[in-house]
Amino acid sequence: MEQQLINLLMYTIPALVTGTIAYLFFREHIENENNRRNFLITKDLQKEAFPIRLQAYERMSLFLERIAPSKLLTRVNPTSSNKEDYENLLIATIEQEFEHNLSQQIYLSDECWNITIAAKNATIQLIRKATMNDKTDTANKLREVILTELMDKPAPSKAALSYIKQEVGELW
């Protein structure tokens, strides 16, 4: 009886060791294959998404250039001499540009998107502040006050544009 137990152990212990080693090997092999497959899928997705992301950064750069007060004021002419009407027209133009590019946020980082929104809001605030100025009484005077204010400090969109350039540089 004892000899049969020893014989049984002599056959089962090597079989168990071999089975365990085979199980561990195949588990490791399957895990490596899954990681390789996931890497290839991610690489293909990035290859396809990269041009779309670059296009989103380009569109946001164009948006920031278009809302820069110096360019906005030369592109959007007042329809009357009323400063409030011109203020509303400028703000509506900025909002329209922003809404046109709203979908680009899914391709930008959260920080970049927030900086872009901050630049838009700061530009609107600049226009509103200039409208409330006592010296401003006509639409043409409003243009003059805004441009004079920009001589002392850079446009809000300039900082956001610099950030976009930095972030795109990190993509390479």
N, C-alpha and C. Protein backbone atom coordinates (compact mmCIF):
# COMPACT_ATOMS: atom_id res chain seq x y z
N MET A 1 0.82 -1.19 0.00
CA MET A 1 0.00 0.00 0.00
C MET A 1 0.86 1.25 0.00
N GLU A 2 1.89 1.20 0.81
CA GLU A 2 2.81 2.33 0.88
C GLU A 2 3.52 2.54 -0.46
N GLN A 3 3.88 1.46 -1.11
CA GLN A 3 4.56 1.55 -2.41
C GLN A 3 3.62 2.13 -3.47
N GLN A 4 2.36 1.79 -3.41
CA GLN A 4 1.40 2.33 -4.37
C GLN A 4 1.22 3.84 -4.15
N LEU A 5 1.21 4.28 -2.92
CA LEU A 5 1.10 5.70 -2.62
C LEU A 5 2.33 6.46 -3.12
N ILE A 6 3.50 5.89 -2.94
CA ILE A 6 4.74 6.52 -3.43
C ILE A 6 4.71 6.57 -4.94
N ASN A 7 4.30 5.50 -5.60
CA ASN A 7 4.21 5.49 -7.07
C ASN A 7 3.20 6.54 -7.56
N LEU A 8 2.09 6.64 -6.87
CA LEU A 8 1.07 7.63 -7.24
C LEU A 8 1.64 9.05 -7.11
N LEU A 9 2.34 9.32 -6.03
CA LEU A 9 2.95 10.63 -5.84
C LEU A 9 4.03 10.91 -6.87
N MET A 10 4.78 9.89 -7.27
CA MET A 10 5.85 10.05 -8.26
C MET A 10 5.27 10.44 -9.63
N TYR A 11 4.07 10.01 -9.90
CA TYR A 11 3.44 10.38 -11.17
C TYR A 11 2.67 11.71 -11.07
N THR A 12 2.03 11.94 -9.96
CA THR A 12 1.19 13.14 -9.85
C THR A 12 1.97 14.41 -9.56
N ILE A 13 3.03 14.35 -8.76
CA ILE A 13 3.80 15.56 -8.44
C ILE A 13 4.43 16.14 -9.69
N PRO A 14 5.15 15.37 -10.54
CA PRO A 14 5.68 15.95 -11.78
C PRO A 14 4.57 16.47 -12.71
N ALA A 15 3.46 15.77 -12.74
CA ALA A 15 2.35 16.21 -13.59
C ALA A 15 1.80 17.54 -13.08
N LEU A 16 1.65 17.68 -11.77
CA LEU A 16 1.18 18.94 -11.19
C LEU A 16 2.17 20.08 -11.44
N VAL A 17 3.46 19.81 -11.27
CA VAL A 17 4.48 20.84 -11.51
C VAL A 17 4.46 21.25 -12.98
N THR A 18 4.41 20.28 -13.88
CA THR A 18 4.38 20.57 -15.31
C THR A 18 3.11 21.34 -15.67
N GLY A 19 2.00 20.94 -15.12
CA GLY A 19 0.73 21.64 -15.38
C GLY A 19 0.76 23.07 -14.87
N THR A 20 1.32 23.28 -13.69
CA THR A 20 1.42 24.63 -13.12
C THR A 20 2.31 25.51 -13.97
N ILE A 21 3.45 24.97 -14.38
CA ILE A 21 4.37 25.74 -15.23
C ILE A 21 3.71 26.08 -16.56
N ALA A 22 3.02 25.13 -17.15
CA ALA A 22 2.32 25.38 -18.42
C ALA A 22 1.24 26.43 -18.24
N TYR A 23 0.49 26.36 -17.16
CA TYR A 23 -0.56 27.34 -16.89
C TYR A 23 0.04 28.74 -16.75
N LEU A 24 1.10 28.86 -15.95
CA LEU A 24 1.75 30.17 -15.76
C LEU A 24 2.32 30.70 -17.07
N PHE A 25 2.94 29.82 -17.85
CA PHE A 25 3.50 30.24 -19.14
C PHE A 25 2.41 30.75 -20.07
N PHE A 26 1.32 30.00 -20.21
CA PHE A 26 0.25 30.40 -21.13
C PHE A 26 -0.47 31.66 -20.64
N ARG A 27 -0.62 31.79 -19.32
CA ARG A 27 -1.24 33.00 -18.79
C ARG A 27 -0.38 34.23 -19.12
N GLU A 28 0.93 34.11 -18.93
CA GLU A 28 1.86 35.20 -19.26
C GLU A 28 1.84 35.50 -20.76
N HIS A 29 1.82 34.44 -21.56
CA HIS A 29 1.79 34.60 -23.01
C HIS A 29 0.51 35.32 -23.47
N ILE A 30 -0.62 34.94 -22.93
CA ILE A 30 -1.90 35.56 -23.30
C ILE A 30 -1.92 37.02 -22.86
N GLU A 31 -1.39 37.29 -21.67
CA GLU A 31 -1.34 38.67 -21.19
C GLU A 31 -0.45 39.53 -22.09
N ASN A 32 0.69 39.00 -22.49
CA ASN A 32 1.57 39.73 -23.41
C ASN A 32 0.91 39.97 -24.76
N GLU A 33 0.21 38.98 -25.26
CA GLU A 33 -0.50 39.14 -26.53
C GLU A 33 -1.60 40.20 -26.43
N ASN A 34 -2.32 40.21 -25.33
CA ASN A 34 -3.36 41.23 -25.13
C ASN A 34 -2.74 42.62 -25.05
N ASN A 35 -1.63 42.75 -24.34
CA ASN A 35 -0.95 44.04 -24.25
C ASN A 35 -0.46 44.49 -25.62
N ARG A 36 0.08 43.56 -26.41
CA ARG A 36 0.56 43.90 -27.75
C ARG A 36 -0.60 44.34 -28.63
N ARG A 37 -1.71 43.62 -28.56
CA ARG A 37 -2.89 43.98 -29.34
C ARG A 37 -3.41 45.36 -28.94
N ASN A 38 -3.49 45.60 -27.64
CA ASN A 38 -3.94 46.91 -27.16
C ASN A 38 -3.00 48.02 -27.61
N PHE A 39 -1.71 47.76 -27.58
CA PHE A 39 -0.73 48.75 -28.03
C PHE A 39 -0.94 49.07 -29.51
N LEU A 40 -1.13 48.04 -30.32
CA LEU A 40 -1.33 48.27 -31.76
C LEU A 40 -2.62 49.03 -32.04
N ILE A 41 -3.66 48.70 -31.30
CA ILE A 41 -4.93 49.42 -31.47
C ILE A 41 -4.77 50.88 -31.08
N THR A 42 -4.12 51.12 -29.94
CA THR A 42 -3.89 52.50 -29.48
C THR A 42 -3.04 53.27 -30.48
N LYS A 43 -2.02 52.62 -31.00
CA LYS A 43 -1.15 53.26 -31.99
C LYS A 43 -1.93 53.65 -33.25
N ASP A 44 -2.78 52.75 -33.72
CA ASP A 44 -3.61 53.06 -34.90
C ASP A 44 -4.58 54.19 -34.62
N LEU A 45 -5.20 54.18 -33.43
CA LEU A 45 -6.13 55.25 -33.08
C LEU A 45 -5.42 56.59 -33.00
N GLN A 46 -4.23 56.60 -32.42
CA GLN A 46 -3.48 57.85 -32.32
C GLN A 46 -3.08 58.35 -33.71
N LYS A 47 -2.74 57.43 -34.59
CA LYS A 47 -2.36 57.81 -35.95
C LYS A 47 -3.53 58.50 -36.66
N GLU A 48 -4.74 57.99 -36.40
CA GLU A 48 -5.92 58.57 -37.02
C GLU A 48 -6.37 59.84 -36.30
N ALA A 49 -6.21 59.89 -34.98
CA ALA A 49 -6.69 61.03 -34.20
C ALA A 49 -5.74 62.21 -34.24
N PHE A 50 -4.47 61.98 -34.48
CA PHE A 50 -3.49 63.06 -34.45
C PHE A 50 -3.82 64.20 -35.42
N PRO A 51 -4.13 63.90 -36.69
CA PRO A 51 -4.50 65.00 -37.60
C PRO A 51 -5.75 65.76 -37.15
N ILE A 52 -6.70 65.05 -36.57
CA ILE A 52 -7.92 65.70 -36.10
C ILE A 52 -7.61 66.62 -34.93
N ARG A 53 -6.73 66.17 -34.03
CA ARG A 53 -6.34 67.01 -32.89
C ARG A 53 -5.60 68.26 -33.38
N LEU A 54 -4.71 68.07 -34.34
CA LEU A 54 -3.99 69.23 -34.89
C LEU A 54 -4.96 70.21 -35.53
N GLN A 55 -5.95 69.68 -36.22
CA GLN A 55 -6.95 70.54 -36.85
C GLN A 55 -7.73 71.31 -35.78
N ALA A 56 -8.01 70.68 -34.66
CA ALA A 56 -8.72 71.36 -33.57
C ALA A 56 -7.86 72.50 -33.01
N TYR A 57 -6.58 72.25 -32.83
CA TYR A 57 -5.69 73.31 -32.36
C TYR A 57 -5.60 74.44 -33.38
N GLU A 58 -5.58 74.09 -34.65
CA GLU A 58 -5.56 75.11 -35.70
C GLU A 58 -6.83 75.96 -35.65
N ARG A 59 -7.97 75.32 -35.49
CA ARG A 59 -9.23 76.06 -35.45
C ARG A 59 -9.31 76.96 -34.23
N MET A 60 -8.81 76.48 -33.09
CA MET A 60 -8.83 77.32 -31.89
C MET A 60 -7.84 78.48 -32.04
N SER A 61 -6.73 78.25 -32.71
CA SER A 61 -5.78 79.35 -32.99
C SER A 61 -6.44 80.39 -33.88
N LEU A 62 -7.15 79.93 -34.88
CA LEU A 62 -7.86 80.85 -35.77
C LEU A 62 -8.93 81.62 -34.99
N PHE A 63 -9.65 80.94 -34.12
CA PHE A 63 -10.65 81.59 -33.28
C PHE A 63 -10.00 82.70 -32.45
N LEU A 64 -8.89 82.37 -31.80
CA LEU A 64 -8.22 83.36 -30.95
C LEU A 64 -7.70 84.54 -31.76
N GLU A 65 -7.23 84.27 -32.96
CA GLU A 65 -6.78 85.36 -33.84
C GLU A 65 -7.96 86.23 -34.25
N ARG A 66 -9.08 85.60 -34.53
CA ARG A 66 -10.25 86.36 -35.00
C ARG A 66 -10.88 87.20 -33.91
N ILE A 67 -10.75 86.77 -32.62
CA ILE A 67 -11.33 87.56 -31.54
C ILE A 67 -10.33 88.54 -30.92
N ALA A 68 -9.10 88.53 -31.41
CA ALA A 68 -8.14 89.53 -30.93
C ALA A 68 -8.73 90.90 -31.25
N PRO A 69 -8.85 91.77 -30.27
CA PRO A 69 -9.55 93.05 -30.49
C PRO A 69 -9.05 93.83 -31.69
N SER A 70 -7.77 93.86 -31.93
CA SER A 70 -7.26 94.63 -33.08
C SER A 70 -7.80 94.08 -34.40
N LYS A 71 -7.91 92.77 -34.52
CA LYS A 71 -8.44 92.17 -35.75
C LYS A 71 -9.96 92.22 -35.78
N LEU A 72 -10.56 92.03 -34.63
CA LEU A 72 -12.03 92.06 -34.54
C LEU A 72 -12.57 93.44 -34.92
N LEU A 73 -11.91 94.48 -34.43
CA LEU A 73 -12.39 95.85 -34.68
C LEU A 73 -12.23 96.25 -36.15
N THR A 74 -11.21 95.72 -36.81
CA THR A 74 -11.05 96.06 -38.23
C THR A 74 -11.99 95.23 -39.11
N ARG A 75 -12.35 94.04 -38.65
CA ARG A 75 -13.23 93.18 -39.43
C ARG A 75 -14.71 93.53 -39.23
N VAL A 76 -15.09 93.91 -38.02
CA VAL A 76 -16.50 94.20 -37.70
C VAL A 76 -16.66 95.71 -37.58
N ASN A 77 -17.29 96.28 -38.56
CA ASN A 77 -17.51 97.73 -38.57
C ASN A 77 -18.83 98.06 -37.89
N PRO A 78 -18.88 99.22 -37.23
CA PRO A 78 -20.14 99.61 -36.58
C PRO A 78 -21.25 99.87 -37.60
N THR A 79 -22.45 99.50 -37.24
CA THR A 79 -23.60 99.73 -38.13
C THR A 79 -24.25 101.08 -37.85
N SER A 80 -23.96 101.62 -36.66
CA SER A 80 -24.47 102.95 -36.31
C SER A 80 -23.43 103.60 -35.40
N SER A 81 -23.71 104.80 -34.97
CA SER A 81 -22.76 105.48 -34.07
C SER A 81 -23.02 105.15 -32.60
N ASN A 82 -24.04 104.36 -32.32
CA ASN A 82 -24.39 103.99 -30.95
C ASN A 82 -23.37 102.99 -30.41
N LYS A 83 -22.73 103.34 -29.30
CA LYS A 83 -21.68 102.49 -28.74
C LYS A 83 -22.23 101.17 -28.20
N GLU A 84 -23.45 101.18 -27.64
CA GLU A 84 -24.02 99.95 -27.10
C GLU A 84 -24.35 98.96 -28.22
N ASP A 85 -24.84 99.48 -29.34
CA ASP A 85 -25.12 98.61 -30.48
C ASP A 85 -23.83 97.96 -30.99
N TYR A 86 -22.76 98.76 -31.04
CA TYR A 86 -21.48 98.23 -31.50
C TYR A 86 -20.92 97.21 -30.50
N GLU A 87 -21.08 97.51 -29.22
CA GLU A 87 -20.64 96.56 -28.17
C GLU A 87 -21.37 95.23 -28.35
N ASN A 88 -22.69 95.29 -28.52
CA ASN A 88 -23.48 94.07 -28.71
C ASN A 88 -23.08 93.32 -29.97
N LEU A 89 -22.79 94.05 -31.03
CA LEU A 89 -22.36 93.43 -32.28
C LEU A 89 -21.02 92.72 -32.10
N LEU A 90 -20.08 93.37 -31.42
CA LEU A 90 -18.77 92.75 -31.18
C LEU A 90 -18.90 91.48 -30.33
N ILE A 91 -19.67 91.58 -29.27
CA ILE A 91 -19.85 90.43 -28.37
C ILE A 91 -20.59 89.30 -29.09
N ALA A 92 -21.59 89.64 -29.87
CA ALA A 92 -22.32 88.62 -30.63
C ALA A 92 -21.39 87.94 -31.64
N THR A 93 -20.50 88.70 -32.25
CA THR A 93 -19.54 88.13 -33.19
C THR A 93 -18.61 87.15 -32.49
N ILE A 94 -18.11 87.53 -31.31
CA ILE A 94 -17.24 86.64 -30.52
C ILE A 94 -17.98 85.37 -30.13
N GLU A 95 -19.20 85.54 -29.65
CA GLU A 95 -19.99 84.37 -29.23
C GLU A 95 -20.30 83.45 -30.42
N GLN A 96 -20.57 84.04 -31.56
CA GLN A 96 -20.86 83.25 -32.76
C GLN A 96 -19.62 82.46 -33.18
N GLU A 97 -18.46 83.10 -33.16
CA GLU A 97 -17.20 82.41 -33.48
C GLU A 97 -16.97 81.27 -32.50
N PHE A 98 -17.23 81.53 -31.22
CA PHE A 98 -17.01 80.53 -30.19
C PHE A 98 -17.94 79.33 -30.39
N GLU A 99 -19.21 79.59 -30.63
CA GLU A 99 -20.17 78.51 -30.83
C GLU A 99 -19.84 77.68 -32.07
N HIS A 100 -19.27 78.34 -33.07
CA HIS A 100 -18.87 77.64 -34.29
C HIS A 100 -17.76 76.63 -34.00
N ASN A 101 -16.93 76.92 -33.00
CA ASN A 101 -15.79 76.05 -32.67
C ASN A 101 -15.98 75.25 -31.39
N LEU A 102 -17.18 75.23 -30.88
CA LEU A 102 -17.47 74.58 -29.60
C LEU A 102 -17.12 73.09 -29.60
N SER A 103 -17.30 72.42 -30.69
CA SER A 103 -17.04 70.97 -30.74
C SER A 103 -15.56 70.63 -30.64
N GLN A 104 -14.70 71.59 -30.81
CA GLN A 104 -13.26 71.33 -30.77
C GLN A 104 -12.77 70.98 -29.38
N GLN A 105 -13.57 71.26 -28.37
CA GLN A 105 -13.13 71.01 -26.99
C GLN A 105 -12.84 69.54 -26.71
N ILE A 106 -13.45 68.64 -27.46
CA ILE A 106 -13.20 67.22 -27.20
C ILE A 106 -11.80 66.80 -27.63
N TYR A 107 -11.14 67.59 -28.46
CA TYR A 107 -9.81 67.25 -28.92
C TYR A 107 -8.71 68.01 -28.17
N LEU A 108 -9.10 69.00 -27.37
CA LEU A 108 -8.13 69.80 -26.63
C LEU A 108 -8.06 69.32 -25.19
N SER A 109 -6.94 69.61 -24.54
CA SER A 109 -6.85 69.30 -23.11
C SER A 109 -7.79 70.23 -22.35
N ASP A 110 -8.19 69.82 -21.16
CA ASP A 110 -9.08 70.65 -20.35
C ASP A 110 -8.45 72.00 -20.05
N GLU A 111 -7.18 71.99 -19.75
CA GLU A 111 -6.49 73.24 -19.42
C GLU A 111 -6.47 74.18 -20.62
N CYS A 112 -6.20 73.65 -21.79
CA CYS A 112 -6.18 74.47 -23.01
C CYS A 112 -7.57 75.04 -23.29
N TRP A 113 -8.58 74.23 -23.12
CA TRP A 113 -9.96 74.69 -23.36
C TRP A 113 -10.33 75.79 -22.38
N ASN A 114 -9.97 75.60 -21.10
CA ASN A 114 -10.27 76.61 -20.08
C ASN A 114 -9.54 77.92 -20.34
N ILE A 115 -8.32 77.83 -20.82
CA ILE A 115 -7.56 79.05 -21.14
C ILE A 115 -8.20 79.76 -22.33
N THR A 116 -8.68 79.00 -23.29
CA THR A 116 -9.36 79.60 -24.45
C THR A 116 -10.64 80.31 -24.02
N ILE A 117 -11.41 79.67 -23.15
CA ILE A 117 -12.64 80.30 -22.63
C ILE A 117 -12.29 81.56 -21.85
N ALA A 118 -11.23 81.49 -21.05
CA ALA A 118 -10.82 82.66 -20.27
C ALA A 118 -10.42 83.81 -21.20
N ALA A 119 -9.75 83.52 -22.30
CA ALA A 119 -9.36 84.56 -23.27
C ALA A 119 -10.60 85.17 -23.91
N LYS A 120 -11.58 84.34 -24.24
CA LYS A 120 -12.83 84.85 -24.82
C LYS A 120 -13.53 85.78 -23.83
N ASN A 121 -13.66 85.31 -22.59
CA ASN A 121 -14.35 86.11 -21.57
C ASN A 121 -13.59 87.40 -21.26
N ALA A 122 -12.27 87.34 -21.24
CA ALA A 122 -11.47 88.54 -20.97
C ALA A 122 -11.62 89.55 -22.11
N THR A 123 -11.73 89.07 -23.33
CA THR A 123 -11.93 89.96 -24.47
C THR A 123 -13.30 90.65 -24.36
N ILE A 124 -14.31 89.88 -24.00
CA ILE A 124 -15.65 90.46 -23.82
C ILE A 124 -15.63 91.49 -22.70
N GLN A 125 -14.95 91.18 -21.61
CA GLN A 125 -14.85 92.12 -20.49
C GLN A 125 -14.12 93.40 -20.91
N LEU A 126 -13.10 93.26 -21.72
CA LEU A 126 -12.37 94.42 -22.23
C LEU A 126 -13.30 95.34 -23.02
N ILE A 127 -14.13 94.74 -23.85
CA ILE A 127 -15.09 95.52 -24.66
C ILE A 127 -16.12 96.20 -23.75
N ARG A 128 -16.64 95.44 -22.78
CA ARG A 128 -17.64 96.02 -21.87
C ARG A 128 -17.04 97.15 -21.02
N LYS A 129 -15.83 96.95 -20.56
CA LYS A 129 -15.16 97.97 -19.75
C LYS A 129 -14.95 99.25 -20.57
N ALA A 130 -14.55 99.07 -21.82
CA ALA A 130 -14.34 100.23 -22.68
C ALA A 130 -15.66 100.96 -22.96
N THR A 131 -16.75 100.22 -23.06
CA THR A 131 -18.06 100.83 -23.29
C THR A 131 -18.49 101.67 -22.10
N MET A 132 -18.15 101.23 -20.90
CA MET A 132 -18.54 101.95 -19.69
C MET A 132 -17.66 103.17 -19.41
N ASN A 133 -16.57 103.30 -20.15
CA ASN A 133 -15.67 104.43 -19.98
C ASN A 133 -16.42 105.73 -20.30
N ASP A 134 -16.17 106.75 -19.48
CA ASP A 134 -16.85 108.04 -19.68
C ASP A 134 -16.45 108.72 -20.99
N LYS A 135 -15.25 108.45 -21.46
CA LYS A 135 -14.77 109.07 -22.70
C LYS A 135 -15.46 108.49 -23.93
N THR A 136 -16.02 107.32 -23.77
CA THR A 136 -16.64 106.63 -24.90
C THR A 136 -18.08 107.11 -25.08
N ASP A 137 -18.33 107.77 -26.22
CA ASP A 137 -19.70 108.22 -26.47
C ASP A 137 -20.24 107.76 -27.83
N THR A 138 -19.34 107.29 -28.71
CA THR A 138 -19.78 106.79 -30.02
C THR A 138 -19.09 105.45 -30.29
N ALA A 139 -19.56 104.79 -31.33
CA ALA A 139 -18.97 103.50 -31.71
C ALA A 139 -17.52 103.67 -32.14
N ASN A 140 -17.22 104.73 -32.88
CA ASN A 140 -15.84 104.95 -33.32
C ASN A 140 -14.93 105.27 -32.13
N LYS A 141 -15.45 105.97 -31.16
CA LYS A 141 -14.69 106.26 -29.94
C LYS A 141 -14.44 104.97 -29.16
N LEU A 142 -15.42 104.08 -29.18
CA LEU A 142 -15.26 102.77 -28.52
C LEU A 142 -14.10 102.00 -29.15
N ARG A 143 -14.04 102.00 -30.45
CA ARG A 143 -12.93 101.35 -31.15
C ARG A 143 -11.60 101.96 -30.72
N GLU A 144 -11.56 103.26 -30.65
CA GLU A 144 -10.34 103.98 -30.27
C GLU A 144 -9.92 103.63 -28.84
N VAL A 145 -10.87 103.60 -27.92
CA VAL A 145 -10.57 103.30 -26.51
C VAL A 145 -10.04 101.87 -26.37
N ILE A 146 -10.65 100.94 -27.06
CA ILE A 146 -10.21 99.53 -26.99
C ILE A 146 -8.79 99.39 -27.53
N LEU A 147 -8.53 100.01 -28.67
CA LEU A 147 -7.19 99.92 -29.26
C LEU A 147 -6.15 100.62 -28.39
N THR A 148 -6.52 101.72 -27.76
CA THR A 148 -5.60 102.43 -26.86
C THR A 148 -5.28 101.55 -25.65
N GLU A 149 -6.27 100.87 -25.14
CA GLU A 149 -6.07 99.98 -23.99
C GLU A 149 -5.10 98.85 -24.34
N LEU A 150 -5.16 98.39 -25.58
CA LEU A 150 -4.29 97.29 -26.00
C LEU A 150 -2.84 97.73 -26.21
N MET A 151 -2.60 99.03 -26.27
CA MET A 151 -1.23 99.51 -26.39
C MET A 151 -0.46 99.25 -25.10
N ASP A 152 -1.15 99.28 -23.98
CA ASP A 152 -0.51 99.11 -22.67
C ASP A 152 -0.29 97.65 -22.31
N LYS A 153 -1.15 96.78 -22.79
CA LYS A 153 -1.04 95.36 -22.44
C LYS A 153 -1.42 94.50 -23.64
N PRO A 154 -0.94 93.26 -23.67
CA PRO A 154 -1.28 92.39 -24.80
C PRO A 154 -2.74 91.95 -24.76
N ALA A 155 -3.24 91.56 -25.90
CA ALA A 155 -4.62 91.07 -25.99
C ALA A 155 -4.74 89.77 -25.22
N PRO A 156 -5.90 89.52 -24.60
CA PRO A 156 -6.10 88.27 -23.84
C PRO A 156 -5.88 87.02 -24.70
N SER A 157 -6.21 87.12 -25.96
CA SER A 157 -6.06 85.95 -26.82
C SER A 157 -4.60 85.60 -27.09
N LYS A 158 -3.70 86.53 -26.90
CA LYS A 158 -2.28 86.28 -27.14
C LYS A 158 -1.72 85.24 -26.17
N ALA A 159 -2.09 85.32 -24.90
CA ALA A 159 -1.63 84.34 -23.92
C ALA A 159 -2.18 82.95 -24.23
N ALA A 160 -3.44 82.90 -24.61
CA ALA A 160 -4.06 81.61 -24.95
C ALA A 160 -3.41 81.02 -26.20
N LEU A 161 -3.10 81.85 -27.16
CA LEU A 161 -2.44 81.39 -28.37
C LEU A 161 -1.05 80.85 -28.05
N SER A 162 -0.35 81.49 -27.16
CA SER A 162 0.97 81.00 -26.74
C SER A 162 0.85 79.64 -26.08
N TYR A 163 -0.19 79.46 -25.27
CA TYR A 163 -0.40 78.17 -24.62
C TYR A 163 -0.69 77.08 -25.64
N ILE A 164 -1.50 77.40 -26.64
CA ILE A 164 -1.80 76.41 -27.69
C ILE A 164 -0.53 76.02 -28.42
N LYS A 165 0.30 76.99 -28.74
CA LYS A 165 1.56 76.67 -29.43
C LYS A 165 2.44 75.76 -28.57
N GLN A 166 2.47 76.03 -27.28
CA GLN A 166 3.26 75.20 -26.38
C GLN A 166 2.71 73.77 -26.32
N GLU A 167 1.41 73.67 -26.22
CA GLU A 167 0.79 72.33 -26.13
C GLU A 167 0.98 71.55 -27.42
N VAL A 168 0.87 72.21 -28.55
CA VAL A 168 1.09 71.51 -29.84
C VAL A 168 2.55 71.08 -29.94
N GLY A 169 3.45 71.92 -29.45
CA GLY A 169 4.86 71.55 -29.46
C GLY A 169 5.14 70.28 -28.65
N GLU A 170 4.37 70.06 -27.61
CA GLU A 170 4.54 68.87 -26.78
C GLU A 170 3.99 67.61 -27.45
N LEU A 171 3.16 67.76 -28.47
CA LEU A 171 2.61 66.60 -29.18
C LEU A 171 3.66 65.88 -30.01
N TRP A 172 4.68 66.57 -30.41
CA TRP A 172 5.69 65.95 -31.25
C TRP A 172 6.50 65.07 -30.39
